[in-house]
Structures are given as structure tokens and as C-alpha cells.
């Protein structure tokens, strides 16, 4: 008698065995110490802590007004004036200069003529914008900076021939006369700065730490002046936000031009702000005084005795727009260690965040493949 086959259900139970547990391979990993590798990867691929500038940047501090230094006393090497100027430069990086011999009427005339530059139409200004190849002309703004541009505008003047030709095309009735007056004023201010720098070099108490790396620079430097138009009737809240923007913008961007001293013309300003990496201070400048600030070249040859600072005048509650000027002096023969001829590349916060994410993914991939070995 034949044996009938066992009954099989039409829908057998779907039984799946669990996946096999990983079994170590017979080959040994080329890395003999797993802890060393893990420690190396964790240390090398660690996501950096990103700290926004406002978390560590010092708040504004009001300091006593820097001393008024009579240029005639300083030029005659009068000891009291020399000591006061040296002490003020070492503490806050600036001092005030009075009785410097340039008529106030002439400075006022140049300021009034400079206002005509900012009255040009926007389409004409666009023809003379600053660029890496031509670092003279109007400062171009983008995105969020447009709101700040409503508070102030910037124009960089120099004796560059191409700038002169372009400006004469868009402002044929006034630029030649203005540029002629600017050349006269920059020459007078250059003579002042040269004498001040000579006094500082003769009385610098600290030698440069750069030693044999110092080099003699012989190339002629074209005078550069940054012109600013400060808008009137700025609301208090807008002005406060503008000051915060100035702090970060100036410290991040710094200045595009290497210089020894900067001479600020800001008659009528309500305050003068001095920005540095260590703090932000402000004071009330005296009428008809030049503000002298330290540049990167002076910091280099003084061995850090005099720290580079950035200065900016503030105008509050004025009835009309105001013009300020900042003359950057770099002598034709000066001992410097380095020059800011090129700007190093920096990563924005967004780029840093993307880089941190990529490094984290690479770390996890390396760990995954390592465990598979």
C-alpha cells in the first residue's frame, strides 16, 4: 500500500532565520591598537566650537579724552609732549594733535568739495567701484550691508591716474579741482606724519622682536585717503545697530592698506571710537584737532609697543550730512616686517559649519569601514 504524502498547508509559515552574527575574520587588522585609532579620529575630526563674536567682544568703554599734543612742542622734541604722546599711543593707540599749521578754512573747503562726490547719481558711482585690481573708488555693498549704507558712504581717493580719468568722466565739472586740493592737503598731512613718526622712532623704548627678518622698503607709496559721508537725523536704534556693525566689520575687514599712521579729520564729531582686538573705547574729541592712530607698520617696527587700532568718528543729531577724512600715511622709506599687500582667505561661519558636517560624516564612514574589517 502506498504511503500518502504528508499534508502540506497551502500557505506555509514565512519563517526567516535571524541574520548571522558578525564573526571576526581570520585576518588581523593592520591596526593593532583600536583605542589609539579611535582616539586619533575623535581628536582629529572633532567638530569645532563656533563662538559668535558678540559672545566675547568687549563692551564699549568710555575713557578719558586723549591728551592734546601741540605739534610745535612735539616737533621741537619737548620732553613733556613726547612723553604724553608715547604714553597715549601705548595705552589706547591714539592722541590728539593741535596747532599743526594747516588752516581750518582750507580743510573746511576740501570737506565741502568732497561732499560733491557723494551727490553723484548711483549709476555713475557704479562706474568707479572698488575692486581687488583697483582698490580706489566707491565702496560696494551687498545684501545686509545695504541698510548700513543708508547711514554712511565711503570713497577712497588716491593719485592713481586711472581713478582720476574715470572720475573726470563722471564728474567733469568738479573732480579736477577737488583732486588738486586733495593733493595739497595730503602733502601737508604727509609732512606732519613724517615728523611725528620720526619722534616715535627716536623715542621708542622697545626694540623690534623680528631681528634679522626686518627688511628695508624703498618703493614709493601713493597717498590714500578714505572719505566718509555720515548721514543726518539717524534714529537712536539705527545708530546703535550701526555701531555694532562697525565694530565687527572693521575688525574682520581691517584696512586694505598697510600704513604707519592714520590722520583723522573729523571736526564736529560727537564721539570718536577706537577699535582694537582687545577692546572698543570712545572719547569726546576736541574741536579742530587731528586724531592720530597707530598703523600696522608702526606696530611692527616698535615690536608691539604701539598696537594697531582702527578709528571712526561718530556724528549725532546733526542738521546736515557730515564729511570725515582718514589719511593713511606710509613713508617711502620705512622699516617694516610685513605689509598687508594681500589679504588672507578666511572661512565664513556658514563655511565652517558645512566643513564641520563633512568632517563628522567622514569620521562615521571611517569608523564604519574599520568595524567591517
Protein backbone atom coordinates (compact mmCIF):
# COMPACT_ATOMS: atom_id res chain seq x y z
CA UNK A 1 0.00 0.00 0.00
CA UNK A 2 1.37 3.29 -1.00
CA UNK A 3 2.14 5.85 1.62
CA UNK A 4 0.33 9.09 1.02
CA UNK A 5 2.38 12.21 1.28
CA UNK A 6 2.10 14.29 4.39
CA UNK A 7 -0.33 17.12 4.29
CA UNK A 8 1.32 20.41 3.40
CA UNK A 9 -0.51 23.69 4.10
CA UNK A 10 -1.20 25.87 1.14
CA UNK A 11 0.34 28.91 2.83
CA UNK A 12 3.45 27.78 4.65
CA UNK A 13 4.63 29.86 7.59
CA UNK A 14 7.03 32.58 6.43
CA UNK A 15 9.94 31.80 8.67
CA UNK A 16 13.15 33.70 8.26
CA UNK A 17 16.23 32.99 10.25
CA UNK A 18 17.83 35.95 12.01
CA UNK A 19 20.84 37.45 10.27
CA UNK A 20 24.10 35.82 11.29
CA UNK A 21 26.09 37.50 13.99
CA UNK A 22 29.29 39.09 12.71
CA UNK A 23 32.21 36.75 13.11
CA UNK A 24 35.70 38.14 13.32
CA UNK A 25 37.72 37.46 10.20
CA UNK A 26 40.76 35.29 10.33
CA UNK A 27 42.80 38.17 9.06
CA UNK A 28 44.10 40.54 11.68
CA UNK A 29 43.51 44.25 11.21
CA UNK A 30 46.51 46.24 10.16
CA UNK A 31 45.77 48.48 13.14
CA UNK A 32 46.99 46.78 16.25
CA UNK A 33 45.58 49.21 18.78
CA UNK A 34 41.93 50.14 18.27
CA UNK A 35 41.98 52.63 21.13
CA UNK A 36 44.77 54.63 19.54
CA UNK A 37 42.86 54.86 16.24
CA UNK A 38 39.61 55.88 17.92
CA UNK A 39 41.39 58.49 19.97
CA UNK A 40 43.15 59.86 16.91
CA UNK A 41 39.92 60.06 14.90
CA UNK A 42 37.98 61.71 17.72
CA UNK A 43 40.72 64.28 18.22
CA UNK A 44 41.31 64.99 14.53
CA UNK A 45 37.67 65.08 13.42
CA UNK A 46 36.24 66.86 16.42
CA UNK A 47 33.62 69.44 15.45
CA UNK A 48 34.96 72.90 16.41
CA UNK A 49 33.07 75.06 18.87
CA UNK A 50 31.76 78.03 16.91
CA UNK A 51 31.50 81.15 19.07
CA UNK A 52 29.83 84.22 17.65
CA UNK A 53 31.79 87.46 18.06
CA UNK A 54 29.24 89.12 20.33
CA UNK A 55 29.85 86.40 22.92
CA UNK A 56 33.40 87.51 23.62
CA UNK A 57 33.80 91.02 22.19
CA UNK A 58 34.18 93.58 25.00
CA UNK A 59 31.54 96.20 25.52
CA UNK A 60 32.12 99.84 24.75
CA UNK A 61 34.18 101.72 27.30
CA UNK A 62 34.30 105.47 27.81
CA UNK A 63 37.84 106.64 28.59
CA UNK A 64 39.36 109.97 29.43
CA UNK A 65 39.99 112.24 26.47
CA UNK A 66 43.46 111.57 24.99
CA UNK A 67 45.95 114.37 25.57
CA UNK A 68 46.11 117.41 23.28
CA UNK A 69 49.61 117.47 21.86
CA UNK A 70 50.85 120.77 20.44
CA UNK A 71 52.63 119.95 17.20
CA UNK A 72 55.15 122.76 17.64
CA UNK A 73 56.19 121.35 21.02
CA UNK A 74 56.33 117.83 19.63
CA UNK A 75 58.38 118.95 16.63
CA UNK A 76 60.88 120.67 18.93
CA UNK A 77 61.25 117.39 20.89
CA UNK A 78 59.85 118.96 24.06
CA UNK A 79 60.05 116.14 26.58
CA UNK A 80 56.62 116.55 28.17
CA UNK A 81 54.80 116.44 24.81
CA UNK A 82 56.85 113.46 23.68
CA UNK A 83 56.12 111.52 26.86
CA UNK A 84 52.40 112.25 26.68
CA UNK A 85 52.14 111.15 23.06
CA UNK A 86 54.13 107.95 23.67
CA UNK A 87 52.03 107.05 26.71
CA UNK A 88 48.74 107.68 24.90
CA UNK A 89 49.78 105.61 21.88
CA UNK A 90 50.86 102.73 24.13
CA UNK A 91 47.60 102.76 26.12
CA UNK A 92 44.85 103.37 23.55
CA UNK A 93 46.69 103.75 20.23
CA UNK A 94 45.88 107.41 19.54
CA UNK A 95 46.31 111.03 20.60
CA UNK A 96 45.01 114.46 19.53
CA UNK A 97 47.19 116.91 17.60
CA UNK A 98 46.57 120.66 17.68
CA UNK A 99 48.36 123.73 16.33
CA UNK A 100 49.62 121.75 13.35
CA UNK A 101 49.78 124.66 10.91
CA UNK A 102 47.12 123.75 8.30
CA UNK A 103 44.41 126.46 8.10
CA UNK A 104 40.99 125.28 9.23
CA UNK A 105 39.39 127.19 6.37
CA UNK A 106 41.30 125.14 3.82
CA UNK A 107 40.30 121.86 5.49
CA UNK A 108 36.67 123.01 5.51
CA UNK A 109 36.88 123.88 1.81
CA UNK A 110 38.17 120.41 0.94
CA UNK A 111 35.39 118.82 3.01
CA UNK A 112 32.71 120.84 1.22
CA UNK A 113 34.16 119.86 -2.17
CA UNK A 114 34.31 116.21 -1.09
CA UNK A 115 30.56 116.27 -0.42
CA UNK A 116 30.04 116.69 -4.17
CA UNK A 117 31.43 113.20 -4.77
CA UNK A 118 28.63 111.58 -2.79
CA UNK A 119 25.95 113.59 -4.61
CA UNK A 120 26.64 111.79 -7.89
CA UNK A 121 23.85 109.51 -9.20
CA UNK A 122 24.05 105.81 -8.35
CA UNK A 123 24.60 104.77 -11.97
CA UNK A 124 27.69 107.00 -12.16
CA UNK A 125 29.02 105.72 -8.85
CA UNK A 126 28.74 102.17 -10.18
CA UNK A 127 31.36 103.01 -12.81
CA UNK A 128 34.01 103.70 -10.14
CA UNK A 129 33.60 100.89 -7.61
CA UNK A 130 36.48 99.44 -5.60
CA UNK A 131 37.84 96.05 -6.63
CA UNK A 132 40.89 93.86 -5.83
CA UNK A 133 42.51 95.13 -9.02
CA UNK A 134 41.55 98.79 -8.39
CA UNK A 135 41.31 99.43 -4.65
CA UNK A 136 40.10 103.01 -5.14
CA UNK A 137 36.66 104.49 -5.64
CA UNK A 138 33.30 103.89 -4.00
CA UNK A 139 32.84 101.07 -1.52
CA UNK A 140 30.43 98.49 -2.92
CA UNK A 141 27.86 96.95 -0.59
CA UNK A 142 25.79 93.76 -0.82
CA UNK A 143 22.83 92.20 0.97
CA UNK A 144 22.51 93.21 4.62
CA UNK A 145 25.12 95.92 4.17
CA UNK A 146 22.67 97.98 2.10
CA UNK A 147 20.84 99.08 5.24
CA UNK A 148 24.12 100.18 6.77
CA UNK A 149 24.96 102.05 3.59
CA UNK A 150 21.99 104.31 4.35
CA UNK A 151 23.91 105.53 7.42
CA UNK A 152 27.26 106.31 5.77
CA UNK A 153 29.10 106.07 2.46
CA UNK A 154 32.79 105.61 1.69
CA UNK A 155 35.01 106.79 -1.16
CA UNK A 156 38.74 106.01 -1.34
CA UNK A 157 40.83 108.70 -3.04
CA UNK A 158 44.39 108.45 -4.33
CA UNK A 159 46.60 109.98 -7.00
CA UNK A 160 46.05 106.91 -9.16
CA UNK A 161 45.80 108.09 -12.79
CA UNK A 162 43.07 105.63 -13.79
CA UNK A 163 40.89 106.80 -10.88
CA UNK A 164 41.37 110.40 -11.95
CA UNK A 165 40.39 109.66 -15.57
CA UNK A 166 37.27 107.71 -14.54
CA UNK A 167 36.15 110.37 -12.06
CA UNK A 168 36.67 113.18 -14.56
CA UNK A 169 34.36 111.35 -16.97
CA UNK A 170 31.50 111.09 -14.46
CA UNK A 171 32.17 114.41 -12.67
CA UNK A 172 33.83 116.66 -15.27
CA UNK A 173 32.92 119.95 -13.58
CA UNK A 174 34.40 119.35 -10.15
CA UNK A 175 36.81 116.44 -9.77
CA UNK A 176 39.96 118.07 -11.20
CA UNK A 177 39.69 120.99 -8.78
CA UNK A 178 38.86 118.68 -5.88
CA UNK A 179 41.76 116.33 -6.64
CA UNK A 180 44.17 119.26 -6.82
CA UNK A 181 43.10 120.44 -3.36
CA UNK A 182 43.34 116.88 -2.03
CA UNK A 183 46.91 116.55 -3.28
CA UNK A 184 47.87 119.73 -1.45
CA UNK A 185 46.16 118.63 1.76
CA UNK A 186 47.63 115.11 1.62
CA UNK A 187 51.12 116.56 1.08
CA UNK A 188 50.78 118.81 4.15
CA UNK A 189 49.45 115.95 6.26
CA UNK A 190 52.22 113.68 4.99
CA UNK A 191 54.83 116.15 6.25
CA UNK A 192 53.13 116.17 9.65
CA UNK A 193 53.02 112.39 9.83
CA UNK A 194 56.69 112.05 8.82
CA UNK A 195 57.78 114.32 11.68
CA UNK A 196 55.54 112.51 14.18
CA UNK A 197 56.87 109.15 13.08
CA UNK A 198 60.46 110.37 13.42
CA UNK A 199 59.80 111.40 17.03
CA UNK A 200 58.25 108.00 17.77
CA UNK A 201 61.15 106.09 16.24
CA UNK A 202 63.72 108.11 18.16
CA UNK A 203 61.95 107.55 21.48
CA UNK A 204 60.59 104.00 21.13
CA UNK A 205 61.64 102.19 24.33
CA UNK A 206 61.29 98.71 22.85
CA UNK A 207 63.31 97.11 20.07
CA UNK A 208 61.60 95.10 17.38
CA UNK A 209 61.40 91.39 18.10
CA UNK A 210 61.77 90.49 14.45
CA UNK A 211 65.54 90.99 14.33
CA UNK A 212 67.16 89.99 11.05
CA UNK A 213 63.79 89.37 9.43
CA UNK A 214 63.26 93.10 9.14
CA UNK A 215 63.63 94.48 5.66
CA UNK A 216 64.06 97.88 4.11
CA UNK A 217 61.20 99.04 1.93
CA UNK A 218 62.13 101.57 -0.76
CA UNK A 219 59.07 101.74 -3.03
CA UNK A 220 57.13 104.98 -3.26
CA UNK A 221 53.68 104.82 -1.70
CA UNK A 222 50.81 106.74 -3.28
CA UNK A 223 48.88 108.75 -0.66
CA UNK A 224 45.49 107.27 0.20
CA UNK A 225 42.53 108.96 1.86
CA UNK A 226 39.25 107.37 2.92
CA UNK A 227 36.35 109.83 2.69
CA UNK A 228 33.12 109.19 4.61
CA UNK A 229 29.74 110.86 4.37
CA UNK A 230 27.81 110.49 7.62
CA UNK A 231 24.04 110.79 7.24
CA UNK A 232 21.99 113.16 9.36
CA UNK A 233 18.95 112.53 11.57
CA UNK A 234 19.72 108.88 12.26
CA UNK A 235 17.30 107.31 14.80
CA UNK A 236 18.90 106.18 18.04
CA UNK A 237 18.09 102.49 17.45
CA UNK A 238 19.50 102.59 13.91
CA UNK A 239 22.63 104.32 15.15
CA UNK A 240 23.16 101.71 17.87
CA UNK A 241 22.90 98.85 15.37
CA UNK A 242 25.24 100.69 13.03
CA UNK A 243 27.88 100.98 15.73
CA UNK A 244 27.72 97.24 16.38
CA UNK A 245 28.05 96.61 12.67
CA UNK A 246 31.07 98.93 12.52
CA UNK A 247 32.83 97.00 15.28
CA UNK A 248 32.63 93.62 13.57
CA UNK A 249 33.08 94.97 10.04
CA UNK A 250 36.23 96.91 10.84
CA UNK A 251 37.83 94.19 12.95
CA UNK A 252 37.13 91.49 10.35
CA UNK A 253 37.99 93.54 7.31
CA UNK A 254 40.59 95.73 8.96
CA UNK A 255 42.06 98.11 6.43
CA UNK A 256 43.04 97.25 2.89
CA UNK A 257 46.15 99.43 3.06
CA UNK A 258 49.30 98.95 5.05
CA UNK A 259 50.26 102.19 6.80
CA UNK A 260 52.31 103.62 9.63
CA UNK A 261 49.95 106.32 10.91
CA UNK A 262 46.40 107.45 10.16
CA UNK A 263 45.42 111.11 10.49
CA UNK A 264 41.68 111.65 11.03
CA UNK A 265 39.91 114.90 10.15
CA UNK A 266 36.54 114.83 11.90
CA UNK A 267 35.73 118.34 13.07
CA UNK A 268 32.28 118.49 14.62
CA UNK A 269 32.05 114.81 15.54
CA UNK A 270 30.19 113.89 18.71
CA UNK A 271 32.46 110.96 19.58
CA UNK A 272 35.49 109.14 18.28
CA UNK A 273 35.63 105.34 18.51
CA UNK A 274 38.86 103.36 18.66
CA UNK A 275 38.60 99.67 17.76
CA UNK A 276 41.26 97.07 18.52
CA UNK A 277 41.42 93.33 19.13
CA UNK A 278 41.46 93.95 22.89
CA UNK A 279 38.58 96.35 23.20
CA UNK A 280 36.46 99.21 21.95
CA UNK A 281 36.82 102.64 23.56
CA UNK A 282 35.36 106.05 22.78
CA UNK A 283 36.02 109.64 23.79
CA UNK A 284 34.88 113.17 23.00
CA UNK A 285 37.35 114.79 20.57
CA UNK A 286 38.34 118.43 20.84
CA UNK A 287 37.35 120.92 18.17
CA UNK A 288 39.83 121.48 15.32
CA UNK A 289 42.07 118.62 16.48
CA UNK A 290 43.56 115.88 14.32
CA UNK A 291 43.23 112.34 15.72
CA UNK A 292 46.41 110.30 15.18
CA UNK A 293 46.08 106.49 15.28
CA UNK A 294 48.68 103.72 15.00
CA UNK A 295 49.00 101.56 11.87
CA UNK A 296 50.36 98.06 11.27
CA UNK A 297 53.83 99.27 10.19
CA UNK A 298 54.34 101.17 13.44
CA UNK A 299 53.25 98.13 15.42
CA UNK A 300 55.84 96.04 13.53
CA UNK A 301 58.91 98.21 14.00
CA UNK A 302 58.02 99.05 17.62
CA UNK A 303 57.93 95.35 18.50
CA UNK A 304 54.31 95.63 19.62
CA UNK A 305 54.89 98.63 21.91
CA UNK A 306 52.28 100.55 19.90
CA UNK A 307 49.29 98.46 18.88
CA UNK A 308 47.44 99.00 15.61
CA UNK A 309 43.92 100.40 16.08
CA UNK A 310 41.09 101.45 13.78
CA UNK A 311 39.33 104.77 14.32
CA UNK A 312 35.90 106.05 13.31
CA UNK A 313 34.18 109.37 14.16
CA UNK A 314 30.51 109.38 15.17
CA UNK A 315 28.13 112.25 14.37
CA UNK A 316 24.88 112.51 16.32
CA UNK A 317 21.91 114.84 15.93
CA UNK A 318 23.42 116.93 13.16
CA UNK A 319 21.33 119.16 10.88
CA UNK A 320 23.26 118.24 7.74
CA UNK A 321 25.40 115.45 6.35
CA UNK A 322 29.00 115.46 7.57
CA UNK A 323 32.26 114.56 5.85
CA UNK A 324 35.21 112.98 7.64
CA UNK A 325 38.58 112.02 6.18
CA UNK A 326 41.19 109.46 7.18
CA UNK A 327 44.65 109.92 5.60
CA UNK A 328 46.76 106.76 5.63
CA UNK A 329 50.45 107.62 5.79
CA UNK A 330 53.08 105.14 4.64
CA UNK A 331 56.55 106.72 4.23
CA UNK A 332 58.61 105.97 1.11
CA UNK A 333 61.49 104.65 3.22
CA UNK A 334 60.34 102.76 6.27
CA UNK A 335 61.45 99.66 8.12
CA UNK A 336 58.65 97.14 8.27
CA UNK A 337 58.31 93.44 8.81
CA UNK A 338 55.29 92.75 6.74
CA UNK A 339 52.84 94.55 4.53
CA UNK A 340 49.16 93.81 4.01
CA UNK A 341 49.54 93.68 0.25
CA UNK A 342 47.35 90.58 0.06
CA UNK A 343 44.52 89.54 2.27
CA UNK A 344 44.45 86.02 3.60
CA UNK A 345 41.47 83.85 2.81
CA UNK A 346 39.07 83.34 5.67
CA UNK A 347 36.15 80.98 6.17
CA UNK A 348 32.73 82.35 6.98
CA UNK A 349 30.61 80.86 9.78
CA UNK A 350 28.46 79.08 7.19
CA UNK A 351 31.51 77.55 5.52
CA UNK A 352 32.84 76.44 8.92
CA UNK A 353 29.51 74.75 9.71
CA UNK A 354 29.49 72.91 6.36
CA UNK A 355 33.09 71.81 6.88
CA UNK A 356 32.25 70.54 10.37
CA UNK A 357 29.34 68.46 8.99
CA UNK A 358 31.54 66.97 6.26
CA UNK A 359 34.25 66.06 8.77
CA UNK A 360 31.65 64.42 11.01
CA UNK A 361 30.35 62.29 8.11
CA UNK A 362 33.88 61.29 7.13
CA UNK A 363 34.56 60.27 10.73
CA UNK A 364 31.49 58.00 10.86
CA UNK A 365 32.38 56.44 7.49
CA UNK A 366 35.89 55.67 8.66
CA UNK A 367 34.56 54.06 11.84
CA UNK A 368 32.03 52.02 9.81
CA UNK A 369 34.61 50.65 7.38
CA UNK A 370 37.05 49.97 10.20
CA UNK A 371 34.48 47.82 12.00
CA UNK A 372 33.85 45.88 8.77
CA UNK A 373 37.49 44.86 8.53
